[in-house]
Structure formats: C-alpha cells, structure tokens
Amino acid sequence: MISTQLGAQLSHMSPRSPSSLRGRPRPPALVLVAHGSRDPRALATVTALIERIREERPGLTVRLGHIELNDPLLSDTLAELPAGRAVLVPLLLSRGYHVKQDIPRAAAAAEHLLTRVAAPLGPHPLLVDALHDRLTEAGWPAHLSERARRHTGVILAASGSRDPEAAVDTHRTAALLARRLGVPVVPAYASAAGPDVATAVRVLAARGRHRVALASYFTAPGRFATESAEAAPGIVAAPLGTHPALARLVLHRYDTALTTAPESAARHLASA
C-alpha cells in the first residue's frame, strides 16, 4: 500500500525522539489549518488528528488554527507562535478560495514569522487508501463478483467550491478511487457546485448502477458530511477523520513545502 511505503519513508527521515533533536536547529512549526465547524465532533476529530501527527513526528511543534467557526482561529495561532519559521498545512482536500486567499493572507499578516504554505491534501493516493479503508469499515465487500460490479457505483461526497480547480482535484480523486475499486465513482457536492448526492444517485441508476455506496470525502464529521450521508441509499463510509494515512499525508505536505518552496526575508509565500 502507498500509505505503508510513505510511512516508512517518513519514519526514516523523521526524528523518532526528542533526544535525537539535540544539537540540531529546531524545525519550523507545523500549523494545521482546519476549516472549522459548529459540529463539536469536528473539533474533537481534528484535535485527535493533531495528537496522531505529534506521535508520528516527536519533537515537532504542531499547532491548530481554524479559518472560521472554531477557536483557535488561524490568526490567533500564528500570533502566539514565537518569532521563527512555520509551515501552514491546509486540512483541506482541494484547491479553492481558502487555500488561495484566506490562508496566504493570514500567513502574510504574521510579520514575525517566515512562512510557507503547503499544498492542500488532495488529490493524493494516500487519500484513496483512507477512503477505501473507510468504505471497507462500512461494509464494502473485499471482493465483488463481476455481476455485482456491473450494478455497483460509488459517490464521492465532497464539500464543494465555486473554484473550478477544486472540481478538478475532486475528479482526480474520484478517478483514483474508481481505479482502486473497479467501479464508477461519481463526485457529488454538498454546496456551491453540482451534482448533489441525490442527483448523483440518479446518474448512477441511469447507468444501471442501483447498488450505491457513499465515500465521505470530508476530513471530519460536520453538517455537510451528515447531509450527504442522509441522502445516500446504501453503504455510507465515515469521514477520513484520524485515519493514519491522513497524518502521514499532512507530514508529507509539510516536508514537501520545506524542500520545494523558497523562503525569503520578504516572506514570499509559495505553494508546495
């Protein structure tokens, strides 16, 4: 599995204990940037993911900041960091306004920091590992007969965005998941874009795909994940949550930003 391979690479390149950091410069802080949600399960999930990231990379300073709706807000998290370096990793699954505007703006306002902004998490094969596992946990069969395969489809339920590049990213993830599962995967959106889940169900039914499962392409529980699940007629997978692949992917985005994005005293931001 790709997650196992990347996990081994991260283990090899990462310090495994605080004592191994002695005599070395402290690495830049990792600021995980979550969207925020009124659903209390979202904050609990992201907090647990932060702990998993810390376990994967002992000695690394990891902080949480929200774009809206939850404390701490990103601007407050950045203000509380001591002068130095930080990498902002969006806990977002595609490009869009938050990645292109909100997060770089908050980073630029933190004038005491030299910052880099990593790429969003998706698309990436590690997300497909997590999506597949969540579907399996929800009852997706280990093996589909050819007959069952001809009548089965999957909906990849995502938040949605008006940015066309967000749809491109979600479609790429859908294509990767379809390759993994061997059945069609149709993206659907909870807001700002179409089709919605109910429409995607009808699209699959028109193709003779009456057995439909829903893959929850959300980082945590929340209103959009709940509404998408309620509109699905069959198997419904849980959001990605604290899946180990998600923690590894966050660290991969962090490492990639450090190795590919130039850092300057002028605090120019670059996407990894």
C-alpha atoms as a PDB file:
ATOM      1  CA  MET A   1       0.000   0.000   0.000  1.00  0.00           C
ATOM      2  CA  ILE A   2       1.207   3.503  -0.770  1.00  0.00           C
ATOM      3  CA  SER A   3       0.468   4.624   2.795  1.00  0.00           C
ATOM      4  CA  THR A   4       2.782   1.929   4.179  1.00  0.00           C
ATOM      5  CA  GLN A   5       5.576   2.885   1.791  1.00  0.00           C
ATOM      6  CA  LEU A   6       5.294   6.592   2.514  1.00  0.00           C
ATOM      7  CA  GLY A   7       5.018   5.907   6.225  1.00  0.00           C
ATOM      8  CA  ALA A   8       8.313   4.026   6.098  1.00  0.00           C
ATOM      9  CA  GLN A   9       9.943   6.922   4.255  1.00  0.00           C
ATOM     10  CA  LEU A  10       8.637   9.434   6.779  1.00  0.00           C
ATOM     11  CA  SER A  11       9.850   7.238   9.624  1.00  0.00           C
ATOM     12  CA  HIS A  12      13.298   7.088   8.063  1.00  0.00           C
ATOM     13  CA  MET A  13      13.604  10.829   7.551  1.00  0.00           C
ATOM     14  CA  SER A  14      11.888  11.894  10.782  1.00  0.00           C
ATOM     15  CA  PRO A  15      13.407  12.129  14.269  1.00  0.00           C
ATOM     16  CA  ARG A  16      11.853   9.458  16.446  1.00  0.00           C
ATOM     17  CA  SER A  17      12.529  11.007  19.842  1.00  0.00           C
ATOM     18  CA  PRO A  18      13.147  14.467  21.289  1.00  0.00           C
ATOM     19  CA  SER A  19      16.680  13.452  22.320  1.00  0.00           C
ATOM     20  CA  SER A  20      17.619  12.963  18.678  1.00  0.00           C
ATOM     21  CA  LEU A  21      16.964  16.683  18.111  1.00  0.00           C
ATOM     22  CA  ARG A  22      19.747  17.795  20.469  1.00  0.00           C
ATOM     23  CA  GLY A  23      22.294  19.916  18.687  1.00  0.00           C
ATOM     24  CA  ARG A  24      20.038  20.388  15.648  1.00  0.00           C
ATOM     25  CA  PRO A  25      18.142  23.541  14.681  1.00  0.00           C
ATOM     26  CA  ARG A  26      14.501  23.345  15.664  1.00  0.00           C
ATOM     27  CA  PRO A  27      12.374  22.541  12.604  1.00  0.00           C
ATOM     28  CA  PRO A  28       9.705  25.039  11.549  1.00  0.00           C
ATOM     29  CA  ALA A  29       6.395  24.711  13.338  1.00  0.00           C
ATOM     30  CA  LEU A  30       3.631  22.860  11.543  1.00  0.00           C
ATOM     31  CA  VAL A  31       0.364  24.785  11.662  1.00  0.00           C
ATOM     32  CA  LEU A  32      -2.550  22.582  10.663  1.00  0.00           C
ATOM     33  CA  VAL A  33      -5.246  24.796   9.170  1.00  0.00           C
ATOM     34  CA  ALA A  34      -8.754  23.386   9.565  1.00  0.00           C
ATOM     35  CA  HIS A  35     -11.888  24.977   8.192  1.00  0.00           C
ATOM     36  CA  GLY A  36     -13.919  24.916  11.391  1.00  0.00           C
ATOM     37  CA  SER A  37     -17.422  23.624  12.096  1.00  0.00           C
ATOM     38  CA  ARG A  38     -20.295  24.151  14.523  1.00  0.00           C
ATOM     39  CA  ASP A  39     -20.444  20.380  14.944  1.00  0.00           C
ATOM     40  CA  PRO A  40     -18.439  19.596  18.125  1.00  0.00           C
ATOM     41  CA  ARG A  41     -17.306  16.298  16.616  1.00  0.00           C
ATOM     42  CA  ALA A  42     -15.222  18.201  14.082  1.00  0.00           C
ATOM     43  CA  LEU A  43     -13.024  19.905  16.681  1.00  0.00           C
ATOM     44  CA  ALA A  44     -12.659  16.647  18.618  1.00  0.00           C
ATOM     45  CA  THR A  45     -11.599  14.832  15.448  1.00  0.00           C
ATOM     46  CA  VAL A  46      -9.069  17.453  14.384  1.00  0.00           C
ATOM     47  CA  THR A  47      -7.621  17.583  17.902  1.00  0.00           C
ATOM     48  CA  ALA A  48      -7.150  13.816  17.842  1.00  0.00           C
ATOM     49  CA  LEU A  49      -5.510  14.068  14.414  1.00  0.00           C
ATOM     50  CA  ILE A  50      -3.065  16.634  15.826  1.00  0.00           C
ATOM     51  CA  GLU A  51      -2.071  14.118  18.506  1.00  0.00           C
ATOM     52  CA  ARG A  52      -1.527  11.432  15.887  1.00  0.00           C
ATOM     53  CA  ILE A  53       0.714  13.809  13.902  1.00  0.00           C
ATOM     54  CA  ARG A  54       2.740  14.533  17.040  1.00  0.00           C
ATOM     55  CA  GLU A  55       3.151  10.812  17.628  1.00  0.00           C
ATOM     56  CA  GLU A  56       4.388  10.383  14.052  1.00  0.00           C
ATOM     57  CA  ARG A  57       6.921  13.215  14.434  1.00  0.00           C
ATOM     58  CA  PRO A  58       8.108  13.615  18.040  1.00  0.00           C
ATOM     59  CA  GLY A  59       9.805  16.927  18.724  1.00  0.00           C
ATOM     60  CA  LEU A  60       7.926  18.804  16.005  1.00  0.00           C
ATOM     61  CA  THR A  61       5.876  21.785  17.145  1.00  0.00           C
ATOM     62  CA  VAL A  62       2.342  21.208  15.833  1.00  0.00           C
ATOM     63  CA  ARG A  63      -0.396  23.792  16.270  1.00  0.00           C
ATOM     64  CA  LEU A  64      -4.002  24.061  15.125  1.00  0.00           C
ATOM     65  CA  GLY A  65      -5.680  27.092  13.587  1.00  0.00           C
ATOM     66  CA  HIS A  66      -9.185  27.450  12.111  1.00  0.00           C
ATOM     67  CA  ILE A  67     -10.325  29.580   9.221  1.00  0.00           C
ATOM     68  CA  GLU A  68     -13.668  30.209  10.936  1.00  0.00           C
ATOM     69  CA  LEU A  69     -16.270  28.919  13.421  1.00  0.00           C
ATOM     70  CA  ASN A  70     -13.842  27.384  15.945  1.00  0.00           C
ATOM     71  CA  ASP A  71     -11.107  28.547  18.283  1.00  0.00           C
ATOM     72  CA  PRO A  72      -8.261  28.900  17.945  1.00  0.00           C
ATOM     73  CA  LEU A  73      -8.557  30.966  14.789  1.00  0.00           C
ATOM     74  CA  LEU A  74      -5.582  30.786  12.437  1.00  0.00           C
ATOM     75  CA  SER A  75      -4.643  34.421  13.028  1.00  0.00           C
ATOM     76  CA  ASP A  76      -4.527  33.838  16.797  1.00  0.00           C
ATOM     77  CA  THR A  77      -2.461  30.671  16.455  1.00  0.00           C
ATOM     78  CA  LEU A  78       0.100  32.461  14.281  1.00  0.00           C
ATOM     79  CA  ALA A  79       0.218  35.455  16.640  1.00  0.00           C
ATOM     80  CA  GLU A  80       1.023  33.173  19.565  1.00  0.00           C
ATOM     81  CA  LEU A  81       3.942  31.454  17.837  1.00  0.00           C
ATOM     82  CA  PRO A  82       7.378  32.833  18.736  1.00  0.00           C
ATOM     83  CA  ALA A  83       9.366  34.568  16.013  1.00  0.00           C
ATOM     84  CA  GLY A  84      10.769  31.989  13.616  1.00  0.00           C
ATOM     85  CA  ARG A  85       9.562  29.732  10.833  1.00  0.00           C
ATOM     86  CA  ALA A  86       6.265  27.988  10.237  1.00  0.00           C
ATOM     87  CA  VAL A  87       4.674  25.822   7.560  1.00  0.00           C
ATOM     88  CA  LEU A  88       0.922  26.118   7.174  1.00  0.00           C
ATOM     89  CA  VAL A  89      -0.654  22.849   6.014  1.00  0.00           C
ATOM     90  CA  PRO A  90      -4.293  23.156   4.889  1.00  0.00           C
ATOM     91  CA  LEU A  91      -6.513  20.392   6.235  1.00  0.00           C
ATOM     92  CA  LEU A  92      -8.452  20.832   3.005  1.00  0.00           C
ATOM     93  CA  LEU A  93      -8.896  18.355   0.189  1.00  0.00           C
ATOM     94  CA  SER A  94      -8.701  20.588  -2.870  1.00  0.00           C
ATOM     95  CA  ARG A  95      -7.738  23.998  -4.127  1.00  0.00           C
ATOM     96  CA  GLY A  96     -10.162  26.857  -3.588  1.00  0.00           C
ATOM     97  CA  TYR A  97     -10.632  30.272  -2.028  1.00  0.00           C
ATOM     98  CA  HIS A  98      -9.400  29.290   1.427  1.00  0.00           C
ATOM     99  CA  VAL A  99      -6.187  27.786   0.044  1.00  0.00           C
ATOM    100  CA  LYS A 100      -5.553  30.562  -2.460  1.00  0.00           C
ATOM    101  CA  GLN A 101      -6.657  33.599  -0.448  1.00  0.00           C
ATOM    102  CA  ASP A 102      -7.520  33.150   3.234  1.00  0.00           C
ATOM    103  CA  ILE A 103      -4.515  31.086   4.332  1.00  0.00           C
ATOM    104  CA  PRO A 104      -1.815  33.076   2.453  1.00  0.00           C
ATOM    105  CA  ARG A 105      -3.380  36.317   3.723  1.00  0.00           C
ATOM    106  CA  ALA A 106      -3.208  35.137   7.330  1.00  0.00           C
ATOM    107  CA  ALA A 107       0.383  33.987   6.832  1.00  0.00           C
ATOM    108  CA  ALA A 108       1.436  37.318   5.350  1.00  0.00           C
ATOM    109  CA  ALA A 109      -0.126  39.167   8.290  1.00  0.00           C
ATOM    110  CA  ALA A 110       2.076  37.260  10.762  1.00  0.00           C
ATOM    111  CA  GLU A 111       5.071  39.533  10.217  1.00  0.00           C
ATOM    112  CA  HIS A 112       7.173  37.938  12.950  1.00  0.00           C
ATOM    113  CA  LEU A 113       7.189  34.625  11.061  1.00  0.00           C
ATOM    114  CA  LEU A 114       8.849  33.335   7.921  1.00  0.00           C
ATOM    115  CA  THR A 115       6.098  31.201   6.460  1.00  0.00           C
ATOM    116  CA  ARG A 116       5.454  28.667   3.775  1.00  0.00           C
ATOM    117  CA  VAL A 117       2.042  27.452   2.705  1.00  0.00           C
ATOM    118  CA  ALA A 118       1.822  23.785   1.722  1.00  0.00           C
ATOM    119  CA  ALA A 119      -0.479  22.363  -0.908  1.00  0.00           C
ATOM    120  CA  PRO A 120      -3.925  21.080   0.109  1.00  0.00           C
ATOM    121  CA  LEU A 121      -4.097  17.391   0.932  1.00  0.00           C
ATOM    122  CA  GLY A 122      -5.829  16.294  -2.252  1.00  0.00           C
ATOM    123  CA  PRO A 123      -5.583  14.734  -4.637  1.00  0.00           C
ATOM    124  CA  HIS A 124      -3.151  12.092  -3.401  1.00  0.00           C
ATOM    125  CA  PRO A 125      -3.053   8.266  -3.355  1.00  0.00           C
ATOM    126  CA  LEU A 126      -2.893   8.281   0.451  1.00  0.00           C
ATOM    127  CA  LEU A 127      -6.403   9.727   0.491  1.00  0.00           C
ATOM    128  CA  VAL A 128      -7.540   6.832  -1.657  1.00  0.00           C
ATOM    129  CA  ASP A 129      -6.073   4.437   0.898  1.00  0.00           C
ATOM    130  CA  ALA A 130      -8.113   6.144   3.601  1.00  0.00           C
ATOM    131  CA  LEU A 131     -11.302   6.290   1.514  1.00  0.00           C
ATOM    132  CA  HIS A 132     -11.016   2.604   0.669  1.00  0.00           C
ATOM    133  CA  ASP A 133     -10.495   1.665   4.314  1.00  0.00           C
ATOM    134  CA  ARG A 134     -13.479   3.747   5.433  1.00  0.00           C
ATOM    135  CA  LEU A 135     -15.676   2.076   2.812  1.00  0.00           C
ATOM    136  CA  THR A 136     -14.480  -1.357   3.940  1.00  0.00           C
ATOM    137  CA  GLU A 137     -15.251  -0.487   7.560  1.00  0.00           C
ATOM    138  CA  ALA A 138     -18.787   0.485   6.480  1.00  0.00           C
ATOM    139  CA  GLY A 139     -19.409  -2.842   4.748  1.00  0.00           C
ATOM    140  CA  TRP A 140     -17.850  -2.573   1.292  1.00  0.00           C
ATOM    141  CA  PRO A 141     -17.064  -6.173   0.266  1.00  0.00           C
ATOM    142  CA  ALA A 142     -13.490  -7.367  -0.032  1.00  0.00           C
ATOM    143  CA  HIS A 143     -14.361  -8.899  -3.404  1.00  0.00           C
ATOM    144  CA  LEU A 144     -17.102  -8.046  -5.884  1.00  0.00           C
ATOM    145  CA  SER A 145     -18.348 -10.594  -8.376  1.00  0.00           C
ATOM    146  CA  GLU A 146     -18.418  -9.479 -11.983  1.00  0.00           C
ATOM    147  CA  ARG A 147     -22.211  -9.392 -11.843  1.00  0.00           C
ATOM    148  CA  ALA A 148     -22.192  -7.221  -8.718  1.00  0.00           C
ATOM    149  CA  ARG A 149     -19.535  -4.977 -10.243  1.00  0.00           C
ATOM    150  CA  ARG A 150     -21.784  -4.254 -13.233  1.00  0.00           C
ATOM    151  CA  HIS A 151     -24.540  -2.981 -10.942  1.00  0.00           C
ATOM    152  CA  THR A 152     -22.475  -1.093  -8.342  1.00  0.00           C
ATOM    153  CA  GLY A 153     -21.303   2.505  -8.177  1.00  0.00           C
ATOM    154  CA  VAL A 154     -19.802   4.867  -5.622  1.00  0.00           C
ATOM    155  CA  ILE A 155     -20.486   8.516  -4.879  1.00  0.00           C
ATOM    156  CA  LEU A 156     -17.552  10.600  -3.682  1.00  0.00           C
ATOM    157  CA  ALA A 157     -19.279  13.202  -1.499  1.00  0.00           C
ATOM    158  CA  ALA A 158     -17.282  16.423  -1.061  1.00  0.00           C
ATOM    159  CA  SER A 159     -17.906  19.891   0.331  1.00  0.00           C
ATOM    160  CA  GLY A 160     -17.923  21.745  -2.993  1.00  0.00           C
ATOM    161  CA  SER A 161     -16.470  25.040  -4.175  1.00  0.00           C
ATOM    162  CA  ARG A 162     -17.099  27.669  -6.830  1.00  0.00           C
ATOM    163  CA  ASP A 163     -13.435  27.412  -7.838  1.00  0.00           C
ATOM    164  CA  PRO A 164     -13.212  25.165 -10.941  1.00  0.00           C
ATOM    165  CA  GLU A 165      -9.821  23.862  -9.808  1.00  0.00           C
ATOM    166  CA  ALA A 166     -11.492  22.358  -6.742  1.00  0.00           C
ATOM    167  CA  ALA A 167     -13.701  20.260  -9.013  1.00  0.00           C
ATOM    168  CA  VAL A 168     -10.626  19.191 -10.999  1.00  0.00           C
ATOM    169  CA  ASP A 169      -8.967  17.984  -7.800  1.00  0.00           C
ATOM    170  CA  THR A 170     -12.070  16.094  -6.649  1.00  0.00           C
ATOM    171  CA  HIS A 171     -12.471  14.433 -10.047  1.00  0.00           C
ATOM    172  CA  ARG A 172      -8.859  13.262  -9.874  1.00  0.00           C
ATOM    173  CA  THR A 173      -9.506  11.662  -6.511  1.00  0.00           C
ATOM    174  CA  ALA A 174     -12.675  10.046  -7.898  1.00  0.00           C
ATOM    175  CA  ALA A 175     -10.670   8.608 -10.792  1.00  0.00           C
ATOM    176  CA  LEU A 176      -8.046   7.187  -8.417  1.00  0.00           C
ATOM    177  CA  LEU A 177     -10.727   5.644  -6.218  1.00  0.00           C
ATOM    178  CA  ALA A 178     -12.537   4.161  -9.238  1.00  0.00           C
ATOM    179  CA  ARG A 179      -9.294   2.513 -10.302  1.00  0.00           C
ATOM    180  CA  ARG A 180      -8.886   1.068  -6.806  1.00  0.00           C
ATOM    181  CA  LEU A 181     -12.466  -0.214  -6.514  1.00  0.00           C
ATOM    182  CA  GLY A 182     -13.081  -1.267 -10.103  1.00  0.00           C
ATOM    183  CA  VAL A 183     -16.450   0.517 -10.294  1.00  0.00           C
ATOM    184  CA  PRO A 184     -17.528   4.004 -11.422  1.00  0.00           C
ATOM    185  CA  VAL A 185     -17.085   6.797  -8.872  1.00  0.00           C
ATOM    186  CA  VAL A 186     -19.161   9.949  -9.347  1.00  0.00           C
ATOM    187  CA  PRO A 187     -18.282  13.140  -7.423  1.00  0.00           C
ATOM    188  CA  ALA A 188     -21.131  14.923  -5.642  1.00  0.00           C
ATOM    189  CA  TYR A 189     -21.118  18.116  -3.627  1.00  0.00           C
ATOM    190  CA  ALA A 190     -22.835  19.382  -0.509  1.00  0.00           C
ATOM    191  CA  SER A 191     -22.684  23.050  -1.543  1.00  0.00           C
ATOM    192  CA  ALA A 192     -21.556  25.564  -4.183  1.00  0.00           C
ATOM    193  CA  ALA A 193     -21.343  23.003  -7.006  1.00  0.00           C
ATOM    194  CA  GLY A 194     -23.278  20.160  -8.591  1.00  0.00           C
ATOM    195  CA  PRO A 195     -24.374  17.467  -8.757  1.00  0.00           C
ATOM    196  CA  ASP A 196     -25.617  16.886  -5.221  1.00  0.00           C
ATOM    197  CA  VAL A 197     -25.768  13.374  -3.772  1.00  0.00           C
ATOM    198  CA  ALA A 198     -29.387  12.733  -4.788  1.00  0.00           C
ATOM    199  CA  THR A 199     -28.629  13.701  -8.375  1.00  0.00           C
ATOM    200  CA  ALA A 200     -25.525  11.524  -8.433  1.00  0.00           C
ATOM    201  CA  VAL A 201     -27.652   8.573  -7.266  1.00  0.00           C
ATOM    202  CA  ARG A 202     -29.960   9.124 -10.238  1.00  0.00           C
ATOM    203  CA  VAL A 203     -26.987   9.410 -12.616  1.00  0.00           C
ATOM    204  CA  LEU A 204     -25.686   6.035 -11.457  1.00  0.00           C
ATOM    205  CA  ALA A 205     -29.161   4.477 -11.612  1.00  0.00           C
ATOM    206  CA  ALA A 206     -29.491   5.631 -15.231  1.00  0.00           C
ATOM    207  CA  ARG A 207     -26.350   3.624 -15.939  1.00  0.00           C
ATOM    208  CA  GLY A 208     -27.842   0.521 -14.321  1.00  0.00           C
ATOM    209  CA  ARG A 209     -25.880   1.073 -11.103  1.00  0.00           C
ATOM    210  CA  HIS A 210     -28.543   0.523  -8.453  1.00  0.00           C
ATOM    211  CA  ARG A 211     -26.208  -0.588  -5.669  1.00  0.00           C
ATOM    212  CA  VAL A 212     -24.656   2.662  -4.479  1.00  0.00           C
ATOM    213  CA  ALA A 213     -22.143   3.338  -1.713  1.00  0.00           C
ATOM    214  CA  LEU A 214     -21.038   6.739  -0.474  1.00  0.00           C
ATOM    215  CA  ALA A 215     -17.401   7.612   0.229  1.00  0.00           C
ATOM    216  CA  SER A 216     -17.250  10.596   2.600  1.00  0.00           C
ATOM    217  CA  TYR A 217     -14.582  12.915   1.260  1.00  0.00           C
ATOM    218  CA  PHE A 218     -14.569  15.058   4.383  1.00  0.00           C
ATOM    219  CA  THR A 219     -11.787  15.442   6.908  1.00  0.00           C
ATOM    220  CA  ALA A 220     -14.173  15.366   9.872  1.00  0.00           C
ATOM    221  CA  PRO A 221     -17.845  14.997  10.782  1.00  0.00           C
ATOM    222  CA  GLY A 222     -19.994  18.071  10.219  1.00  0.00           C
ATOM    223  CA  ARG A 223     -23.137  19.374   8.566  1.00  0.00           C
ATOM    224  CA  PHE A 224     -22.054  18.617   5.007  1.00  0.00           C
ATOM    225  CA  ALA A 225     -20.975  15.074   5.857  1.00  0.00           C
ATOM    226  CA  THR A 226     -24.221  14.449   7.718  1.00  0.00           C
ATOM    227  CA  GLU A 227     -26.442  15.816   4.935  1.00  0.00           C
ATOM    228  CA  SER A 228     -24.563  13.786   2.315  1.00  0.00           C
ATOM    229  CA  ALA A 229     -24.930  10.607   4.345  1.00  0.00           C
ATOM    230  CA  GLU A 230     -28.658  11.152   4.804  1.00  0.00           C
ATOM    231  CA  ALA A 231     -29.130  11.406   1.029  1.00  0.00           C
ATOM    232  CA  ALA A 232     -27.301   8.146   0.292  1.00  0.00           C
ATOM    233  CA  PRO A 233     -29.318   4.940  -0.250  1.00  0.00           C
ATOM    234  CA  GLY A 234     -26.720   2.320   0.650  1.00  0.00           C
ATOM    235  CA  ILE A 235     -23.383   1.899   2.397  1.00  0.00           C
ATOM    236  CA  VAL A 236     -22.140   5.161   3.907  1.00  0.00           C
ATOM    237  CA  ALA A 237     -18.493   5.464   4.897  1.00  0.00           C
ATOM    238  CA  ALA A 238     -17.300   7.649   7.747  1.00  0.00           C
ATOM    239  CA  PRO A 239     -15.249  10.801   7.062  1.00  0.00           C
ATOM    240  CA  LEU A 240     -11.474  10.453   6.826  1.00  0.00           C
ATOM    241  CA  GLY A 241     -11.029  11.597  10.426  1.00  0.00           C
ATOM    242  CA  THR A 242      -7.922  10.345  12.192  1.00  0.00           C
ATOM    243  CA  HIS A 243      -7.003   7.673   9.652  1.00  0.00           C
ATOM    244  CA  PRO A 244      -3.227   7.077   9.829  1.00  0.00           C
ATOM    245  CA  ALA A 245      -2.855   7.920   6.139  1.00  0.00           C
ATOM    246  CA  LEU A 246      -4.162  11.419   6.829  1.00  0.00           C
ATOM    247  CA  ALA A 247      -1.492  12.108   9.444  1.00  0.00           C
ATOM    248  CA  ARG A 248       1.207  10.804   7.095  1.00  0.00           C
ATOM    249  CA  LEU A 249      -0.098  12.964   4.283  1.00  0.00           C
ATOM    250  CA  VAL A 250      -0.046  16.087   6.464  1.00  0.00           C
ATOM    251  CA  LEU A 251       3.611  15.406   7.260  1.00  0.00           C
ATOM    252  CA  HIS A 252       4.330  14.696   3.598  1.00  0.00           C
ATOM    253  CA  ARG A 253       2.867  18.083   2.615  1.00  0.00           C
ATOM    254  CA  TYR A 254       4.921  19.725   5.383  1.00  0.00           C
ATOM    255  CA  ASP A 255       8.154  18.066   4.222  1.00  0.00           C
ATOM    256  CA  THR A 256       7.458  18.868   0.579  1.00  0.00           C
ATOM    257  CA  ALA A 257       6.862  22.529   1.378  1.00  0.00           C
ATOM    258  CA  LEU A 258      10.206  22.689   3.169  1.00  0.00           C
ATOM    259  CA  THR A 259      12.121  21.144   0.287  1.00  0.00           C
ATOM    260  CA  THR A 260      10.489  22.888  -2.659  1.00  0.00           C
ATOM    261  CA  ALA A 261       9.213  26.298  -1.539  1.00  0.00           C
ATOM    262  CA  PRO A 262      11.774  29.117  -1.349  1.00  0.00           C
ATOM    263  CA  GLU A 263      11.909  31.032   1.906  1.00  0.00           C
ATOM    264  CA  SER A 264      12.948  34.671   1.977  1.00  0.00           C
ATOM    265  CA  ALA A 265      13.180  37.578   4.350  1.00  0.00           C
ATOM    266  CA  ALA A 266      10.478  39.220   2.253  1.00  0.00           C
ATOM    267  CA  ARG A 267       8.128  36.429   3.338  1.00  0.00           C
ATOM    268  CA  HIS A 268       7.006  35.492  -0.144  1.00  0.00           C
ATOM    269  CA  LEU A 269       4.622  32.560   0.037  1.00  0.00           C
ATOM    270  CA  ALA A 270       4.840  29.590  -2.277  1.00  0.00           C
ATOM    271  CA  SER A 271       2.620  26.566  -2.691  1.00  0.00           C
ATOM    272  CA  ALA A 272       4.168  23.148  -2.388  1.00  0.00           C
END
